Amino acid sequence: MIELTDKAIQEFLTKTEKEGNDTIRIGIKPSGCAGYEYILDYADSVHDDDHILEFGKFMIVVDPASSPFLQGSTLDYVTEGLSSEFKFANPNVKMACGCGISLKF
């Protein structure tokens, strides 16, 4: 479903250990001028119908509505200049708006 680069895995390990929460929720939600934006946050709960991806010391959960939109994606952690961020490479995206946040599938 979603692949993580080694840099993304290392960053999630660091963040989850620091936060004391080993569960990350990844998904999409309606938003922005193109229609959708990514969700990337700590999960307070895991639902029975969530897809669970285990990565040893942390796990990623994806709700079933977001799953088809994220199929085949790769999540990386990149540093450009003084900024670092998680960045999706998603073959399902047809268009992204100029701000780089809003997506169209």
N, C-alpha and C. Protein backbone atom coordinates (compact mmCIF):
# COMPACT_ATOMS: atom_id res chain seq x y z
N MET A 1 0.82 -1.19 0.00
CA MET A 1 0.00 0.00 0.00
C MET A 1 0.87 1.26 0.00
N ILE A 2 1.57 1.55 1.09
CA ILE A 2 2.47 2.69 1.17
C ILE A 2 3.86 2.16 1.52
N GLU A 3 4.84 2.64 0.80
CA GLU A 3 6.22 2.31 1.13
C GLU A 3 6.87 3.51 1.80
N LEU A 4 7.76 3.24 2.73
CA LEU A 4 8.52 4.30 3.40
C LEU A 4 9.99 4.16 3.03
N THR A 5 10.64 5.29 2.77
CA THR A 5 12.08 5.25 2.55
C THR A 5 12.77 5.06 3.90
N ASP A 6 14.04 4.72 3.85
CA ASP A 6 14.81 4.57 5.08
C ASP A 6 14.82 5.86 5.89
N LYS A 7 14.91 7.01 5.20
CA LYS A 7 14.90 8.30 5.90
C LYS A 7 13.57 8.53 6.61
N ALA A 8 12.46 8.17 5.97
CA ALA A 8 11.14 8.34 6.59
C ALA A 8 11.00 7.43 7.81
N ILE A 9 11.46 6.20 7.69
CA ILE A 9 11.39 5.27 8.82
C ILE A 9 12.20 5.81 9.99
N GLN A 10 13.41 6.27 9.73
CA GLN A 10 14.26 6.80 10.81
C GLN A 10 13.60 8.01 11.48
N GLU A 11 13.01 8.89 10.68
CA GLU A 11 12.37 10.08 11.25
C GLU A 11 11.14 9.70 12.07
N PHE A 12 10.36 8.73 11.61
CA PHE A 12 9.21 8.27 12.40
C PHE A 12 9.66 7.62 13.70
N LEU A 13 10.75 6.85 13.66
CA LEU A 13 11.29 6.26 14.89
C LEU A 13 11.66 7.34 15.89
N THR A 14 12.34 8.37 15.43
CA THR A 14 12.75 9.48 16.30
C THR A 14 11.53 10.20 16.86
N LYS A 15 10.58 10.53 16.01
CA LYS A 15 9.40 11.28 16.44
C LYS A 15 8.50 10.48 17.38
N THR A 16 8.28 9.20 17.08
CA THR A 16 7.39 8.41 17.94
C THR A 16 8.02 8.15 19.31
N GLU A 17 9.33 7.94 19.35
CA GLU A 17 10.00 7.77 20.64
C GLU A 17 9.92 9.05 21.46
N LYS A 18 10.14 10.18 20.81
CA LYS A 18 10.09 11.48 21.50
C LYS A 18 8.68 11.79 22.00
N GLU A 19 7.68 11.50 21.17
CA GLU A 19 6.28 11.81 21.50
C GLU A 19 5.68 10.80 22.48
N GLY A 20 6.21 9.57 22.49
CA GLY A 20 5.64 8.53 23.34
C GLY A 20 4.37 7.94 22.74
N ASN A 21 4.16 8.12 21.45
CA ASN A 21 3.02 7.55 20.74
C ASN A 21 3.56 6.83 19.53
N ASP A 22 3.32 5.51 19.45
CA ASP A 22 3.91 4.71 18.38
C ASP A 22 2.99 4.49 17.18
N THR A 23 1.90 5.26 17.09
CA THR A 23 0.93 5.06 16.01
C THR A 23 0.74 6.35 15.21
N ILE A 24 0.97 6.26 13.91
CA ILE A 24 0.84 7.40 13.00
C ILE A 24 -0.35 7.14 12.07
N ARG A 25 -1.20 8.14 11.91
CA ARG A 25 -2.32 8.04 10.98
C ARG A 25 -1.97 8.81 9.71
N ILE A 26 -2.09 8.12 8.58
CA ILE A 26 -1.88 8.72 7.27
C ILE A 26 -3.18 8.57 6.50
N GLY A 27 -3.58 9.64 5.81
CA GLY A 27 -4.80 9.57 5.02
C GLY A 27 -4.94 10.81 4.16
N ILE A 28 -6.15 11.00 3.65
CA ILE A 28 -6.49 12.20 2.92
C ILE A 28 -7.80 12.74 3.46
N LYS A 29 -8.03 14.04 3.24
CA LYS A 29 -9.30 14.65 3.62
C LYS A 29 -9.65 15.71 2.58
N PRO A 30 -10.95 15.94 2.40
CA PRO A 30 -11.35 17.01 1.48
C PRO A 30 -10.84 18.36 1.98
N SER A 31 -10.19 19.11 1.08
CA SER A 31 -9.64 20.40 1.47
C SER A 31 -9.00 21.08 0.28
N GLY A 32 -8.86 22.37 0.35
CA GLY A 32 -8.08 23.15 -0.61
C GLY A 32 -8.72 23.31 -1.97
N CYS A 33 -8.03 24.02 -2.82
CA CYS A 33 -8.56 24.37 -4.14
C CYS A 33 -8.58 23.20 -5.11
N ALA A 34 -7.71 22.20 -4.93
CA ALA A 34 -7.69 21.05 -5.83
C ALA A 34 -8.58 19.91 -5.34
N GLY A 35 -8.99 19.94 -4.07
CA GLY A 35 -9.94 18.95 -3.60
C GLY A 35 -9.56 18.16 -2.36
N TYR A 36 -8.28 17.81 -2.19
CA TYR A 36 -7.86 16.97 -1.06
C TYR A 36 -6.51 17.42 -0.53
N GLU A 37 -6.23 17.01 0.70
CA GLU A 37 -4.88 17.17 1.24
C GLU A 37 -4.56 15.97 2.11
N TYR A 38 -3.26 15.72 2.30
CA TYR A 38 -2.81 14.59 3.10
C TYR A 38 -3.01 14.86 4.60
N ILE A 39 -3.26 13.78 5.32
CA ILE A 39 -3.29 13.78 6.79
C ILE A 39 -2.06 12.99 7.24
N LEU A 40 -1.31 13.54 8.15
CA LEU A 40 -0.15 12.87 8.72
C LEU A 40 -0.05 13.33 10.16
N ASP A 41 -0.48 12.47 11.10
CA ASP A 41 -0.56 12.87 12.49
C ASP A 41 -0.49 11.64 13.40
N TYR A 42 -0.29 11.87 14.68
CA TYR A 42 -0.35 10.77 15.64
C TYR A 42 -1.79 10.30 15.77
N ALA A 43 -1.98 9.00 15.95
CA ALA A 43 -3.32 8.44 16.08
C ALA A 43 -3.61 8.18 17.56
N ASP A 44 -4.75 8.69 18.01
CA ASP A 44 -5.18 8.43 19.38
C ASP A 44 -5.83 7.06 19.51
N SER A 45 -6.37 6.57 18.39
CA SER A 45 -7.03 5.27 18.41
C SER A 45 -6.88 4.60 17.05
N VAL A 46 -7.08 3.29 17.06
CA VAL A 46 -7.07 2.50 15.83
C VAL A 46 -8.45 1.90 15.69
N HIS A 47 -9.07 2.06 14.53
CA HIS A 47 -10.41 1.55 14.29
C HIS A 47 -10.34 0.15 13.69
N ASP A 48 -11.39 -0.62 13.90
CA ASP A 48 -11.43 -2.00 13.43
C ASP A 48 -11.20 -2.13 11.93
N ASP A 49 -11.64 -1.13 11.15
CA ASP A 49 -11.51 -1.22 9.69
C ASP A 49 -10.26 -0.52 9.14
N ASP A 50 -9.41 0.01 10.00
CA ASP A 50 -8.16 0.63 9.56
C ASP A 50 -7.21 -0.41 8.98
N HIS A 51 -6.45 -0.02 7.97
CA HIS A 51 -5.35 -0.84 7.47
C HIS A 51 -4.14 -0.52 8.35
N ILE A 52 -3.47 -1.55 8.83
CA ILE A 52 -2.34 -1.38 9.75
C ILE A 52 -1.07 -1.84 9.06
N LEU A 53 -0.06 -0.97 9.07
CA LEU A 53 1.25 -1.28 8.52
C LEU A 53 2.25 -1.26 9.67
N GLU A 54 2.84 -2.39 9.97
CA GLU A 54 3.78 -2.51 11.09
C GLU A 54 5.20 -2.21 10.64
N PHE A 55 5.90 -1.40 11.41
CA PHE A 55 7.30 -1.06 11.13
C PHE A 55 8.15 -1.28 12.38
N GLY A 56 7.91 -2.36 13.10
CA GLY A 56 8.70 -2.66 14.29
C GLY A 56 8.28 -1.83 15.49
N LYS A 57 8.95 -0.72 15.74
CA LYS A 57 8.69 0.09 16.92
C LYS A 57 7.57 1.11 16.72
N PHE A 58 7.01 1.20 15.51
CA PHE A 58 5.86 2.07 15.27
C PHE A 58 4.99 1.45 14.19
N MET A 59 3.75 1.94 14.12
CA MET A 59 2.86 1.47 13.06
C MET A 59 2.14 2.64 12.43
N ILE A 60 1.73 2.40 11.21
CA ILE A 60 0.96 3.39 10.47
C ILE A 60 -0.42 2.82 10.25
N VAL A 61 -1.45 3.65 10.46
CA VAL A 61 -2.82 3.23 10.21
C VAL A 61 -3.40 4.13 9.12
N VAL A 62 -4.20 3.50 8.25
CA VAL A 62 -4.83 4.19 7.13
C VAL A 62 -6.30 3.81 7.13
N ASP A 63 -7.18 4.82 7.10
CA ASP A 63 -8.62 4.52 7.07
C ASP A 63 -8.98 3.96 5.69
N PRO A 64 -10.05 3.14 5.62
CA PRO A 64 -10.39 2.48 4.36
C PRO A 64 -10.76 3.45 3.23
N ALA A 65 -11.28 4.63 3.54
CA ALA A 65 -11.63 5.59 2.49
C ALA A 65 -10.38 6.19 1.83
N SER A 66 -9.30 6.34 2.59
CA SER A 66 -8.06 6.91 2.06
C SER A 66 -7.21 5.89 1.32
N SER A 67 -7.38 4.64 1.65
CA SER A 67 -6.54 3.58 1.13
C SER A 67 -6.38 3.56 -0.40
N PRO A 68 -7.47 3.64 -1.18
CA PRO A 68 -7.30 3.60 -2.64
C PRO A 68 -6.50 4.79 -3.19
N PHE A 69 -6.61 5.94 -2.55
CA PHE A 69 -5.89 7.13 -2.99
C PHE A 69 -4.39 7.05 -2.71
N LEU A 70 -4.02 6.24 -1.70
CA LEU A 70 -2.62 6.14 -1.29
C LEU A 70 -1.92 4.92 -1.86
N GLN A 71 -2.67 4.05 -2.55
CA GLN A 71 -2.11 2.82 -3.11
C GLN A 71 -0.93 3.13 -4.02
N GLY A 72 0.20 2.48 -3.76
CA GLY A 72 1.39 2.66 -4.60
C GLY A 72 2.25 3.85 -4.23
N SER A 73 1.90 4.56 -3.16
CA SER A 73 2.65 5.75 -2.76
C SER A 73 3.93 5.40 -2.02
N THR A 74 4.88 6.31 -2.09
CA THR A 74 6.10 6.23 -1.30
C THR A 74 6.20 7.50 -0.47
N LEU A 75 6.50 7.34 0.81
CA LEU A 75 6.66 8.47 1.71
C LEU A 75 8.13 8.60 2.05
N ASP A 76 8.67 9.79 1.83
CA ASP A 76 10.08 10.07 2.08
C ASP A 76 10.18 11.22 3.08
N TYR A 77 11.35 11.37 3.68
CA TYR A 77 11.65 12.52 4.53
C TYR A 77 12.80 13.25 3.87
N VAL A 78 12.53 14.46 3.41
CA VAL A 78 13.53 15.20 2.62
C VAL A 78 13.94 16.49 3.31
N THR A 79 15.18 16.87 3.09
CA THR A 79 15.70 18.14 3.57
C THR A 79 16.08 18.97 2.36
N GLU A 80 15.51 20.16 2.29
CA GLU A 80 15.83 21.10 1.22
C GLU A 80 16.18 22.42 1.87
N GLY A 81 17.45 22.81 1.78
CA GLY A 81 17.89 24.02 2.45
C GLY A 81 17.77 23.85 3.96
N LEU A 82 17.04 24.76 4.59
CA LEU A 82 16.84 24.71 6.04
C LEU A 82 15.56 23.99 6.44
N SER A 83 14.79 23.53 5.47
CA SER A 83 13.49 22.89 5.73
C SER A 83 13.57 21.38 5.56
N SER A 84 12.90 20.67 6.46
CA SER A 84 12.76 19.22 6.35
C SER A 84 11.28 18.88 6.46
N GLU A 85 10.83 17.88 5.66
CA GLU A 85 9.42 17.51 5.69
C GLU A 85 9.23 16.12 5.11
N PHE A 86 8.09 15.53 5.47
CA PHE A 86 7.68 14.29 4.83
C PHE A 86 7.09 14.66 3.48
N LYS A 87 7.41 13.85 2.46
CA LYS A 87 6.95 14.15 1.12
C LYS A 87 6.45 12.86 0.46
N PHE A 88 5.24 12.94 -0.10
CA PHE A 88 4.63 11.80 -0.78
C PHE A 88 5.01 11.80 -2.26
N ALA A 89 5.30 10.64 -2.79
CA ALA A 89 5.36 10.40 -4.23
C ALA A 89 4.18 9.48 -4.50
N ASN A 90 3.12 10.03 -5.08
CA ASN A 90 1.86 9.31 -5.21
C ASN A 90 1.47 9.25 -6.69
N PRO A 91 1.45 8.03 -7.27
CA PRO A 91 1.11 7.90 -8.69
C PRO A 91 -0.36 8.19 -9.00
N ASN A 92 -1.18 8.31 -7.98
CA ASN A 92 -2.62 8.54 -8.17
C ASN A 92 -2.98 10.02 -8.30
N VAL A 93 -2.05 10.92 -7.97
CA VAL A 93 -2.33 12.35 -8.03
C VAL A 93 -2.33 12.82 -9.48
N LYS A 94 -3.43 13.45 -9.86
CA LYS A 94 -3.55 13.97 -11.23
C LYS A 94 -3.10 15.42 -11.32
N MET A 95 -3.20 16.15 -10.19
CA MET A 95 -2.83 17.56 -10.20
C MET A 95 -2.59 18.03 -8.76
N ALA A 96 -1.65 18.93 -8.58
CA ALA A 96 -1.43 19.58 -7.29
C ALA A 96 -1.51 21.07 -7.52
N CYS A 97 -2.07 21.79 -6.57
CA CYS A 97 -2.19 23.24 -6.74
C CYS A 97 -0.82 23.90 -6.50
N GLY A 98 -0.74 25.17 -6.76
CA GLY A 98 0.51 25.91 -6.64
C GLY A 98 1.10 25.92 -5.24
N CYS A 99 0.24 25.83 -4.22
CA CYS A 99 0.75 25.88 -2.84
C CYS A 99 1.42 24.56 -2.46
N GLY A 100 1.17 23.49 -3.23
CA GLY A 100 1.80 22.22 -2.95
C GLY A 100 1.10 21.40 -1.89
N ILE A 101 0.00 21.88 -1.34
CA ILE A 101 -0.71 21.16 -0.29
C ILE A 101 -1.94 20.44 -0.83
N SER A 102 -2.68 21.10 -1.70
CA SER A 102 -3.94 20.57 -2.18
C SER A 102 -3.72 19.71 -3.43
N LEU A 103 -4.45 18.57 -3.50
CA LEU A 103 -4.27 17.58 -4.54
C LEU A 103 -5.59 17.22 -5.21
N LYS A 104 -5.50 16.75 -6.44
CA LYS A 104 -6.67 16.23 -7.15
C LYS A 104 -6.35 14.81 -7.58
N PHE A 105 -7.28 13.89 -7.30
CA PHE A 105 -7.10 12.47 -7.68
C PHE A 105 -7.99 12.14 -8.85
